[in-house]
Structures are given as C-alpha cells and as structure tokens.
Amino acid sequence: MTDPPPSAKTPSRLARLRRRLSGAAALGAVLIVVGVGYTAAASAGTPGGARAATQPQDSVEVRKGRHLYEEGCITCHGMILQGVQNRGPSLIGVGQAAVYFQVITGRMPVARQEAQASRKQPKYTPEEVDQIAAYVQSVGGGPVIPGGNLRDGDLAEGGELFRINCASCHNFAGRGGALSAGKRAPELTPATDKELYGAMLSGPQNMPVFGENQITPEQKRAIINYVQTLKQTKDPGGSGIGRLGPVPEGLVIWIVGIGALILTILWIGAKS
C-alpha cells in the first residue's frame, strides 16, 4: 500500500494538533474554575469569613503579633491556630477576649499541665499582649473586648447580677472559693476592668461563657462597676468576715466566747 502524498499528511497532523491544544485549554479552564470555587468555599467556611491565614499582613500590630505567636505559642496551638493534640486547644473562634485574658494574667503560656492554670506574672508586656490578641483575632475571629469605660453600668443592678451569676463561685465579696477536682474560682481583687470583661466573654476554665444573649454589654459594665466598687469599699467596723453581714460575726463571737468560757471552767476546776 502506498503512503499518502505529503500534502495529505499535513492537514491531518494539523487537525490532530488543534484537537490536542483545544483539549488542553479546556482542561486548564476546568482546573481554574475548580480552584477558584474551592478557594471561595474554603474562605466562606473559615471562622472570620475572609480572614484567611494570609490576612495577618494588614497592620503592623497584627504582623508583630504573628511574630510573637510563632515564637511562643505555635508549638502548643499550631501554625494556623488549629491546636496540637495533648498540648494545647484550638484558638479558632476564641477571639481577642480569651487571648487577652489568658496572656495578660500570666495563665498562658503555662509552665506545666495542672488542674488549673493559676494567675502569675505575665510573660509579655501589655502592648505585646494586644498584638498577640490582634493576630489571633485576625485569623480565627471571635469575641472582642470593647473599648471605652467598662464600668459605667448601674451599681445596684450590678450587685444583683453578681449575686445571681457570680457569687456562688467567687464568694459574695469576690474572694474566690474552692471548686471540684482541685480547681478554684480565683479572687477578683487583682482583676482589671478589661480582664473581668474578657473573662465574661470567654468563660475561662470552669467559668461559663456569658454571651450577649445571657448578659448584655450594659449588664456586664454594671457587674464590673459593682466588683470594682466592692474592692474599694473598706470595712470601718473591722473584719468583714466575707461581708456576709452580722450572722458570721455573731457566730464567731459565740464560738470564741463559749470556747473561752469552757477553758475558764476547766482551769478553775483544775485549780480547785
């Protein structure tokens, strides 16, 4: 069988080449469409919406916070805040409020695993704490402590809310108290306005989270006003004994008085 002349081979080869090029172009277009769709879906499903991992380049504060995070937090909480098993929880969604409270009070970073992280001297300056919190907020989103005066709420309402929601753990005078499993509700004396607000928003450890639906921002300010006023109020009559009123004072007097009377009777009996 004789080969077709060269003039017949050329159009056939060109047709095959055009088909291959058109197929490659179609495949590339499909891949581009799939990639764009996946990126959009991933961004929509990430807490904070468009705040992806590349977002922390927006401000100097966030960039500094990212550097501090990568130096001191990444080994326990992961490169993208996803957490590390048996080391640290995920920070996605905890927000600026939780990070600020934990780091400014020295609870984080922890030196060792315990039943409860205790308050200690913070490792970072207040400025660095704000930077770390800003970075975590930019990536993971979550509750944010508002600015301005955080204790301009109604004092009487704050006292009532504190007794209903807080006194069962923190004591009527904010002195703290023992909980189960070796844990303890901390004393509120050293807490600042911002720390109190952050704790209510984030619910550290055994504390419940008080969102905007449970306690409104105005009510949170009222509670803070009450707690800070309580700390500043002195006891002109002497020891407040937990500030529970005359009942504990009478009980102490009764126990001490009866005890002294019994000791006196025993001493007289021994002498006679």
C-alpha atoms as a PDB file:
ATOM      1  CA  MET A   1       0.000   0.000   0.000  1.00  0.00           C
ATOM      2  CA  THR A   2       1.419   3.369  -0.953  1.00  0.00           C
ATOM      3  CA  ASP A   3       1.737   6.256   1.559  1.00  0.00           C
ATOM      4  CA  PRO A   4      -0.447   9.297   1.036  1.00  0.00           C
ATOM      5  CA  PRO A   5       1.289  12.223  -0.513  1.00  0.00           C
ATOM      6  CA  PRO A   6       2.857  14.816   1.848  1.00  0.00           C
ATOM      7  CA  SER A   7       0.100  17.278   1.030  1.00  0.00           C
ATOM      8  CA  ALA A   8      -2.472  14.846   2.569  1.00  0.00           C
ATOM      9  CA  LYS A   9      -0.443  14.226   5.777  1.00  0.00           C
ATOM     10  CA  THR A  10      -0.095  17.891   6.699  1.00  0.00           C
ATOM     11  CA  PRO A  11      -3.831  18.741   7.179  1.00  0.00           C
ATOM     12  CA  SER A  12      -4.337  15.543   9.214  1.00  0.00           C
ATOM     13  CA  ARG A  13      -1.453  16.387  11.567  1.00  0.00           C
ATOM     14  CA  LEU A  14      -2.661  19.970  11.947  1.00  0.00           C
ATOM     15  CA  ALA A  15      -6.157  18.762  12.828  1.00  0.00           C
ATOM     16  CA  ARG A  16      -4.801  16.412  15.498  1.00  0.00           C
ATOM     17  CA  LEU A  17      -2.615  19.174  16.915  1.00  0.00           C
ATOM     18  CA  ARG A  18      -5.570  21.556  17.062  1.00  0.00           C
ATOM     19  CA  ARG A  19      -7.668  18.937  18.871  1.00  0.00           C
ATOM     20  CA  ARG A  20      -4.931  18.350  21.434  1.00  0.00           C
ATOM     21  CA  LEU A  21      -4.458  22.074  22.061  1.00  0.00           C
ATOM     22  CA  SER A  22      -8.182  22.649  22.416  1.00  0.00           C
ATOM     23  CA  GLY A  23      -8.443  19.708  24.854  1.00  0.00           C
ATOM     24  CA  ALA A  24      -5.544  21.042  26.949  1.00  0.00           C
ATOM     25  CA  ALA A  25      -7.129  24.506  27.001  1.00  0.00           C
ATOM     26  CA  ALA A  26     -10.482  23.059  28.103  1.00  0.00           C
ATOM     27  CA  LEU A  27      -8.794  21.030  30.861  1.00  0.00           C
ATOM     28  CA  GLY A  28      -6.913  24.125  32.074  1.00  0.00           C
ATOM     29  CA  ALA A  29     -10.132  26.154  32.169  1.00  0.00           C
ATOM     30  CA  VAL A  30     -11.875  23.455  34.200  1.00  0.00           C
ATOM     31  CA  LEU A  31      -8.988  23.304  36.686  1.00  0.00           C
ATOM     32  CA  ILE A  32      -9.025  27.088  37.076  1.00  0.00           C
ATOM     33  CA  VAL A  33     -12.786  27.116  37.710  1.00  0.00           C
ATOM     34  CA  VAL A  34     -12.499  24.298  40.281  1.00  0.00           C
ATOM     35  CA  GLY A  35      -9.607  26.038  42.047  1.00  0.00           C
ATOM     36  CA  VAL A  36     -11.446  29.357  42.280  1.00  0.00           C
ATOM     37  CA  GLY A  37     -14.580  27.620  43.558  1.00  0.00           C
ATOM     38  CA  TYR A  38     -12.646  25.676  46.201  1.00  0.00           C
ATOM     39  CA  THR A  39     -10.885  28.817  47.405  1.00  0.00           C
ATOM     40  CA  ALA A  40     -14.188  30.683  47.715  1.00  0.00           C
ATOM     41  CA  ALA A  41     -15.797  27.792  49.608  1.00  0.00           C
ATOM     42  CA  ALA A  42     -12.826  27.473  51.980  1.00  0.00           C
ATOM     43  CA  SER A  43     -12.874  31.196  52.705  1.00  0.00           C
ATOM     44  CA  ALA A  44     -16.601  31.118  53.403  1.00  0.00           C
ATOM     45  CA  GLY A  45     -16.207  28.186  55.800  1.00  0.00           C
ATOM     46  CA  THR A  46     -13.331  29.693  57.752  1.00  0.00           C
ATOM     47  CA  PRO A  47     -14.268  31.441  61.046  1.00  0.00           C
ATOM     48  CA  GLY A  48     -13.981  35.114  60.392  1.00  0.00           C
ATOM     49  CA  GLY A  49     -15.007  34.736  56.729  1.00  0.00           C
ATOM     50  CA  ALA A  50     -12.402  36.391  54.544  1.00  0.00           C
ATOM     51  CA  ARG A  51      -9.868  36.415  57.355  1.00  0.00           C
ATOM     52  CA  ALA A  52      -7.664  33.704  55.950  1.00  0.00           C
ATOM     53  CA  ALA A  53      -4.171  32.848  57.090  1.00  0.00           C
ATOM     54  CA  THR A  54      -2.671  35.420  54.752  1.00  0.00           C
ATOM     55  CA  GLN A  55      -4.768  38.216  56.259  1.00  0.00           C
ATOM     56  CA  PRO A  56      -2.361  38.982  59.128  1.00  0.00           C
ATOM     57  CA  GLN A  57      -0.342  41.235  56.830  1.00  0.00           C
ATOM     58  CA  ASP A  58      -2.848  44.081  57.158  1.00  0.00           C
ATOM     59  CA  SER A  59      -1.360  46.052  60.051  1.00  0.00           C
ATOM     60  CA  VAL A  60       1.873  46.471  61.945  1.00  0.00           C
ATOM     61  CA  GLU A  61       0.195  45.305  65.163  1.00  0.00           C
ATOM     62  CA  VAL A  62      -1.014  42.079  63.566  1.00  0.00           C
ATOM     63  CA  ARG A  63       2.388  41.399  61.972  1.00  0.00           C
ATOM     64  CA  LYS A  64       4.116  41.852  65.336  1.00  0.00           C
ATOM     65  CA  GLY A  65       1.527  39.630  66.952  1.00  0.00           C
ATOM     66  CA  ARG A  66       2.154  36.933  64.379  1.00  0.00           C
ATOM     67  CA  HIS A  67       5.873  37.052  65.106  1.00  0.00           C
ATOM     68  CA  LEU A  68       5.244  36.735  68.872  1.00  0.00           C
ATOM     69  CA  TYR A  69       2.767  33.909  68.272  1.00  0.00           C
ATOM     70  CA  GLU A  70       5.259  31.969  66.165  1.00  0.00           C
ATOM     71  CA  GLU A  71       7.902  32.400  68.860  1.00  0.00           C
ATOM     72  CA  GLY A  72       5.892  31.476  71.944  1.00  0.00           C
ATOM     73  CA  CYS A  73       2.547  29.881  71.037  1.00  0.00           C
ATOM     74  CA  ILE A  74       2.846  27.870  67.844  1.00  0.00           C
ATOM     75  CA  THR A  75       4.247  24.687  69.455  1.00  0.00           C
ATOM     76  CA  CYS A  76       1.055  24.207  71.503  1.00  0.00           C
ATOM     77  CA  HIS A  77      -1.612  25.890  69.388  1.00  0.00           C
ATOM     78  CA  GLY A  78      -0.446  25.069  65.862  1.00  0.00           C
ATOM     79  CA  MET A  79       0.592  27.091  62.836  1.00  0.00           C
ATOM     80  CA  ILE A  80      -2.956  28.106  61.889  1.00  0.00           C
ATOM     81  CA  LEU A  81      -4.458  28.082  65.404  1.00  0.00           C
ATOM     82  CA  GLN A  82      -5.784  24.546  64.907  1.00  0.00           C
ATOM     83  CA  GLY A  83      -4.364  23.295  68.233  1.00  0.00           C
ATOM     84  CA  VAL A  84      -1.944  20.443  68.930  1.00  0.00           C
ATOM     85  CA  GLN A  85      -3.141  17.195  70.473  1.00  0.00           C
ATOM     86  CA  ASN A  86      -2.141  16.749  74.146  1.00  0.00           C
ATOM     87  CA  ARG A  87      -0.506  20.199  74.108  1.00  0.00           C
ATOM     88  CA  GLY A  88      -2.976  22.975  73.520  1.00  0.00           C
ATOM     89  CA  PRO A  89      -6.525  23.609  72.270  1.00  0.00           C
ATOM     90  CA  SER A  90      -7.559  25.256  69.036  1.00  0.00           C
ATOM     91  CA  LEU A  91      -7.757  29.047  69.118  1.00  0.00           C
ATOM     92  CA  ILE A  92     -10.122  29.321  66.171  1.00  0.00           C
ATOM     93  CA  GLY A  93     -13.146  31.297  67.293  1.00  0.00           C
ATOM     94  CA  VAL A  94     -11.904  32.138  70.808  1.00  0.00           C
ATOM     95  CA  GLY A  95     -11.315  35.738  69.805  1.00  0.00           C
ATOM     96  CA  GLN A  96      -9.303  38.609  71.188  1.00  0.00           C
ATOM     97  CA  ALA A  97     -11.154  38.444  74.528  1.00  0.00           C
ATOM     98  CA  ALA A  98      -9.914  34.978  75.512  1.00  0.00           C
ATOM     99  CA  VAL A  99      -6.329  35.585  74.374  1.00  0.00           C
ATOM    100  CA  TYR A 100      -6.119  38.894  76.221  1.00  0.00           C
ATOM    101  CA  PHE A 101      -7.454  37.414  79.473  1.00  0.00           C
ATOM    102  CA  GLN A 102      -5.237  34.330  79.427  1.00  0.00           C
ATOM    103  CA  VAL A 103      -1.990  36.104  78.486  1.00  0.00           C
ATOM    104  CA  ILE A 104      -2.330  39.347  80.487  1.00  0.00           C
ATOM    105  CA  THR A 105      -2.991  37.363  83.674  1.00  0.00           C
ATOM    106  CA  GLY A 106       0.046  35.144  83.087  1.00  0.00           C
ATOM    107  CA  ARG A 107      -2.039  31.987  82.798  1.00  0.00           C
ATOM    108  CA  MET A 108      -0.607  31.493  79.330  1.00  0.00           C
ATOM    109  CA  PRO A 109       1.897  30.281  78.405  1.00  0.00           C
ATOM    110  CA  VAL A 110       1.700  27.525  81.009  1.00  0.00           C
ATOM    111  CA  ALA A 111       4.841  26.076  82.548  1.00  0.00           C
ATOM    112  CA  ARG A 112       3.296  22.617  83.094  1.00  0.00           C
ATOM    113  CA  GLN A 113      -0.044  20.843  82.821  1.00  0.00           C
ATOM    114  CA  GLU A 114      -2.096  21.268  86.002  1.00  0.00           C
ATOM    115  CA  ALA A 115      -5.721  21.019  87.057  1.00  0.00           C
ATOM    116  CA  GLN A 116      -5.972  24.773  86.616  1.00  0.00           C
ATOM    117  CA  ALA A 117      -3.705  27.496  85.269  1.00  0.00           C
ATOM    118  CA  SER A 118      -3.014  29.999  88.027  1.00  0.00           C
ATOM    119  CA  ARG A 119      -2.504  33.731  87.784  1.00  0.00           C
ATOM    120  CA  LYS A 120       1.155  34.740  87.689  1.00  0.00           C
ATOM    121  CA  GLN A 121       3.437  37.470  86.381  1.00  0.00           C
ATOM    122  CA  PRO A 122       2.745  37.840  82.646  1.00  0.00           C
ATOM    123  CA  LYS A 123       5.499  36.950  80.215  1.00  0.00           C
ATOM    124  CA  TYR A 124       4.568  39.713  77.753  1.00  0.00           C
ATOM    125  CA  THR A 125       4.072  43.447  78.093  1.00  0.00           C
ATOM    126  CA  PRO A 126       0.522  44.857  77.722  1.00  0.00           C
ATOM    127  CA  GLU A 127       1.447  46.083  74.233  1.00  0.00           C
ATOM    128  CA  GLU A 128       2.664  42.617  73.194  1.00  0.00           C
ATOM    129  CA  VAL A 129      -0.464  41.018  74.656  1.00  0.00           C
ATOM    130  CA  ASP A 130      -2.610  43.295  72.483  1.00  0.00           C
ATOM    131  CA  GLN A 131      -0.528  42.339  69.439  1.00  0.00           C
ATOM    132  CA  ILE A 132      -0.898  38.588  70.018  1.00  0.00           C
ATOM    133  CA  ALA A 133      -4.621  39.015  70.605  1.00  0.00           C
ATOM    134  CA  ALA A 134      -4.943  41.081  67.421  1.00  0.00           C
ATOM    135  CA  TYR A 135      -3.220  38.373  65.386  1.00  0.00           C
ATOM    136  CA  VAL A 136      -5.410  35.577  66.758  1.00  0.00           C
ATOM    137  CA  GLN A 137      -8.500  37.695  66.158  1.00  0.00           C
ATOM    138  CA  SER A 138      -7.455  38.401  62.569  1.00  0.00           C
ATOM    139  CA  VAL A 139      -7.069  34.701  61.793  1.00  0.00           C
ATOM    140  CA  GLY A 140      -9.678  32.937  63.912  1.00  0.00           C
ATOM    141  CA  GLY A 141     -12.256  35.609  64.758  1.00  0.00           C
ATOM    142  CA  GLY A 142     -14.388  35.563  67.898  1.00  0.00           C
ATOM    143  CA  PRO A 143     -15.491  37.825  70.780  1.00  0.00           C
ATOM    144  CA  VAL A 144     -13.748  41.184  71.211  1.00  0.00           C
ATOM    145  CA  ILE A 145     -13.484  43.301  74.363  1.00  0.00           C
ATOM    146  CA  PRO A 146     -14.964  46.728  73.595  1.00  0.00           C
ATOM    147  CA  GLY A 147     -13.117  49.951  74.253  1.00  0.00           C
ATOM    148  CA  GLY A 148     -14.128  52.888  76.415  1.00  0.00           C
ATOM    149  CA  ASN A 149     -15.323  52.908  80.015  1.00  0.00           C
ATOM    150  CA  LEU A 150     -16.143  49.330  81.048  1.00  0.00           C
ATOM    151  CA  ARG A 151     -17.608  50.158  84.446  1.00  0.00           C
ATOM    152  CA  ASP A 152     -20.222  52.812  83.710  1.00  0.00           C
ATOM    153  CA  GLY A 153     -23.185  50.494  84.469  1.00  0.00           C
ATOM    154  CA  ASP A 154     -25.765  50.730  87.233  1.00  0.00           C
ATOM    155  CA  LEU A 155     -24.213  49.792  90.588  1.00  0.00           C
ATOM    156  CA  ALA A 156     -27.352  48.323  92.179  1.00  0.00           C
ATOM    157  CA  GLU A 157     -28.131  46.222  89.099  1.00  0.00           C
ATOM    158  CA  GLY A 158     -24.513  45.043  89.034  1.00  0.00           C
ATOM    159  CA  GLY A 159     -24.758  43.867  92.626  1.00  0.00           C
ATOM    160  CA  GLU A 160     -27.909  41.896  91.917  1.00  0.00           C
ATOM    161  CA  LEU A 161     -26.436  40.313  88.774  1.00  0.00           C
ATOM    162  CA  PHE A 162     -23.217  39.450  90.598  1.00  0.00           C
ATOM    163  CA  ARG A 163     -25.076  37.706  93.419  1.00  0.00           C
ATOM    164  CA  ILE A 164     -27.165  35.715  90.938  1.00  0.00           C
ATOM    165  CA  ASN A 165     -24.442  34.732  88.441  1.00  0.00           C
ATOM    166  CA  CYS A 166     -21.059  35.006  90.160  1.00  0.00           C
ATOM    167  CA  ALA A 167     -21.236  34.813  93.968  1.00  0.00           C
ATOM    168  CA  SER A 168     -21.798  31.049  94.096  1.00  0.00           C
ATOM    169  CA  CYS A 169     -18.224  30.535  92.870  1.00  0.00           C
ATOM    170  CA  HIS A 170     -16.381  33.784  93.567  1.00  0.00           C
ATOM    171  CA  ASN A 171     -17.888  34.452  97.031  1.00  0.00           C
ATOM    172  CA  PHE A 172     -20.178  37.386  97.850  1.00  0.00           C
ATOM    173  CA  ALA A 173     -17.120  39.573  98.348  1.00  0.00           C
ATOM    174  CA  GLY A 174     -15.222  38.343  95.275  1.00  0.00           C
ATOM    175  CA  ARG A 175     -12.677  36.478  97.393  1.00  0.00           C
ATOM    176  CA  GLY A 176     -12.869  33.285  95.352  1.00  0.00           C
ATOM    177  CA  GLY A 177     -13.603  29.762  96.504  1.00  0.00           C
ATOM    178  CA  ALA A 178     -12.831  26.075  96.057  1.00  0.00           C
ATOM    179  CA  LEU A 179     -14.365  24.064  93.205  1.00  0.00           C
ATOM    180  CA  SER A 180     -14.246  20.368  92.348  1.00  0.00           C
ATOM    181  CA  ALA A 181     -11.285  18.337  91.038  1.00  0.00           C
ATOM    182  CA  GLY A 182      -8.632  20.571  92.587  1.00  0.00           C
ATOM    183  CA  LYS A 183      -9.851  23.722  90.849  1.00  0.00           C
ATOM    184  CA  ARG A 184     -10.662  27.092  92.342  1.00  0.00           C
ATOM    185  CA  ALA A 185     -12.621  30.188  91.411  1.00  0.00           C
ATOM    186  CA  PRO A 186      -9.982  32.932  91.619  1.00  0.00           C
ATOM    187  CA  GLU A 187     -10.124  36.017  93.781  1.00  0.00           C
ATOM    188  CA  LEU A 188     -11.284  39.078  91.856  1.00  0.00           C
ATOM    189  CA  THR A 189      -9.203  41.646  93.747  1.00  0.00           C
ATOM    190  CA  PRO A 190      -6.328  41.887  91.203  1.00  0.00           C
ATOM    191  CA  ALA A 191      -8.608  41.791  88.122  1.00  0.00           C
ATOM    192  CA  THR A 192      -8.860  44.912  85.953  1.00  0.00           C
ATOM    193  CA  ASP A 193     -11.982  46.085  84.117  1.00  0.00           C
ATOM    194  CA  LYS A 194     -10.716  44.617  80.857  1.00  0.00           C
ATOM    195  CA  GLU A 195      -9.846  41.288  82.456  1.00  0.00           C
ATOM    196  CA  LEU A 196     -13.306  40.982  84.012  1.00  0.00           C
ATOM    197  CA  TYR A 197     -15.000  41.748  80.700  1.00  0.00           C
ATOM    198  CA  GLY A 198     -12.745  39.281  78.856  1.00  0.00           C
ATOM    199  CA  ALA A 199     -13.490  36.556  81.391  1.00  0.00           C
ATOM    200  CA  MET A 200     -17.241  37.001  80.984  1.00  0.00           C
ATOM    201  CA  LEU A 201     -16.933  36.834  77.191  1.00  0.00           C
ATOM    202  CA  SER A 202     -14.613  33.816  77.056  1.00  0.00           C
ATOM    203  CA  GLY A 203     -15.506  31.712  80.124  1.00  0.00           C
ATOM    204  CA  PRO A 204     -12.023  30.566  81.171  1.00  0.00           C
ATOM    205  CA  GLN A 205     -11.702  27.066  82.634  1.00  0.00           C
ATOM    206  CA  ASN A 206     -14.798  26.206  84.739  1.00  0.00           C
ATOM    207  CA  MET A 207     -16.438  29.600  84.278  1.00  0.00           C
ATOM    208  CA  PRO A 208     -19.462  29.686  81.922  1.00  0.00           C
ATOM    209  CA  VAL A 209     -19.471  31.942  78.870  1.00  0.00           C
ATOM    210  CA  PHE A 210     -21.771  34.938  79.307  1.00  0.00           C
ATOM    211  CA  GLY A 211     -22.593  35.963  75.739  1.00  0.00           C
ATOM    212  CA  GLU A 212     -24.622  38.969  74.724  1.00  0.00           C
ATOM    213  CA  ASN A 213     -27.826  36.912  75.000  1.00  0.00           C
ATOM    214  CA  GLN A 214     -27.129  35.898  78.607  1.00  0.00           C
ATOM    215  CA  ILE A 215     -25.741  39.182  79.950  1.00  0.00           C
ATOM    216  CA  THR A 216     -25.898  42.305  77.815  1.00  0.00           C
ATOM    217  CA  PRO A 217     -22.923  44.684  77.465  1.00  0.00           C
ATOM    218  CA  GLU A 218     -24.686  47.177  79.756  1.00  0.00           C
ATOM    219  CA  GLN A 219     -25.153  44.476  82.396  1.00  0.00           C
ATOM    220  CA  LYS A 220     -21.516  43.410  82.090  1.00  0.00           C
ATOM    221  CA  ARG A 221     -20.477  47.005  82.782  1.00  0.00           C
ATOM    222  CA  ALA A 222     -22.793  47.064  85.781  1.00  0.00           C
ATOM    223  CA  ILE A 223     -21.199  43.891  87.192  1.00  0.00           C
ATOM    224  CA  ILE A 224     -17.709  45.329  86.685  1.00  0.00           C
ATOM    225  CA  ASN A 225     -18.763  48.543  88.415  1.00  0.00           C
ATOM    226  CA  TYR A 226     -20.038  46.537  91.382  1.00  0.00           C
ATOM    227  CA  VAL A 227     -16.936  44.340  91.638  1.00  0.00           C
ATOM    228  CA  GLN A 228     -14.535  47.284  91.474  1.00  0.00           C
ATOM    229  CA  THR A 229     -16.611  49.282  93.975  1.00  0.00           C
ATOM    230  CA  LEU A 230     -16.676  46.266  96.260  1.00  0.00           C
ATOM    231  CA  LYS A 231     -12.883  46.082  96.186  1.00  0.00           C
ATOM    232  CA  GLN A 232     -12.505  49.768  97.015  1.00  0.00           C
ATOM    233  CA  THR A 233     -15.023  49.788  99.904  1.00  0.00           C
ATOM    234  CA  LYS A 234     -13.438  49.424 103.332  1.00  0.00           C
ATOM    235  CA  ASP A 235     -14.885  47.775 106.445  1.00  0.00           C
ATOM    236  CA  PRO A 236     -14.982  50.541 109.070  1.00  0.00           C
ATOM    237  CA  GLY A 237     -16.173  48.109 111.748  1.00  0.00           C
ATOM    238  CA  GLY A 238     -13.159  45.823 111.383  1.00  0.00           C
ATOM    239  CA  SER A 239     -13.001  42.488 109.586  1.00  0.00           C
ATOM    240  CA  GLY A 240     -15.898  41.934 107.210  1.00  0.00           C
ATOM    241  CA  ILE A 241     -15.706  38.122 107.567  1.00  0.00           C
ATOM    242  CA  GLY A 242     -16.658  37.584 103.956  1.00  0.00           C
ATOM    243  CA  ARG A 243     -19.059  40.527 104.021  1.00  0.00           C
ATOM    244  CA  LEU A 244     -21.945  38.211 104.739  1.00  0.00           C
ATOM    245  CA  GLY A 245     -23.452  40.501 107.355  1.00  0.00           C
ATOM    246  CA  PRO A 246     -23.966  40.093 111.149  1.00  0.00           C
ATOM    247  CA  VAL A 247     -24.590  36.320 111.064  1.00  0.00           C
ATOM    248  CA  PRO A 248     -20.950  35.185 110.676  1.00  0.00           C
ATOM    249  CA  GLU A 249     -19.828  37.872 113.101  1.00  0.00           C
ATOM    250  CA  GLY A 250     -22.278  36.591 115.739  1.00  0.00           C
ATOM    251  CA  LEU A 251     -21.197  33.009 115.044  1.00  0.00           C
ATOM    252  CA  VAL A 252     -17.534  33.895 115.581  1.00  0.00           C
ATOM    253  CA  ILE A 253     -18.352  35.712 118.823  1.00  0.00           C
ATOM    254  CA  TRP A 254     -20.436  32.741 120.016  1.00  0.00           C
ATOM    255  CA  ILE A 255     -17.741  30.161 119.226  1.00  0.00           C
ATOM    256  CA  VAL A 256     -14.926  32.242 120.700  1.00  0.00           C
ATOM    257  CA  GLY A 257     -16.989  33.207 123.759  1.00  0.00           C
ATOM    258  CA  ILE A 258     -18.162  29.671 124.508  1.00  0.00           C
ATOM    259  CA  GLY A 259     -14.671  28.322 123.944  1.00  0.00           C
ATOM    260  CA  ALA A 260     -13.174  30.899 126.336  1.00  0.00           C
ATOM    261  CA  LEU A 261     -15.866  30.102 128.934  1.00  0.00           C
ATOM    262  CA  ILE A 262     -15.197  26.346 128.740  1.00  0.00           C
ATOM    263  CA  LEU A 263     -11.451  26.898 129.090  1.00  0.00           C
ATOM    264  CA  THR A 264     -12.040  29.133 132.110  1.00  0.00           C
ATOM    265  CA  ILE A 265     -14.258  26.492 133.772  1.00  0.00           C
ATOM    266  CA  LEU A 266     -11.655  23.771 133.150  1.00  0.00           C
ATOM    267  CA  TRP A 267      -8.907  25.982 134.544  1.00  0.00           C
ATOM    268  CA  ILE A 268     -10.890  26.748 137.716  1.00  0.00           C
ATOM    269  CA  GLY A 269     -11.723  23.074 138.149  1.00  0.00           C
ATOM    270  CA  ALA A 270      -8.067  22.122 137.825  1.00  0.00           C
ATOM    271  CA  LYS A 271      -7.042  24.706 140.413  1.00  0.00           C
ATOM    272  CA  SER A 272      -9.653  23.607 142.931  1.00  0.00           C
END
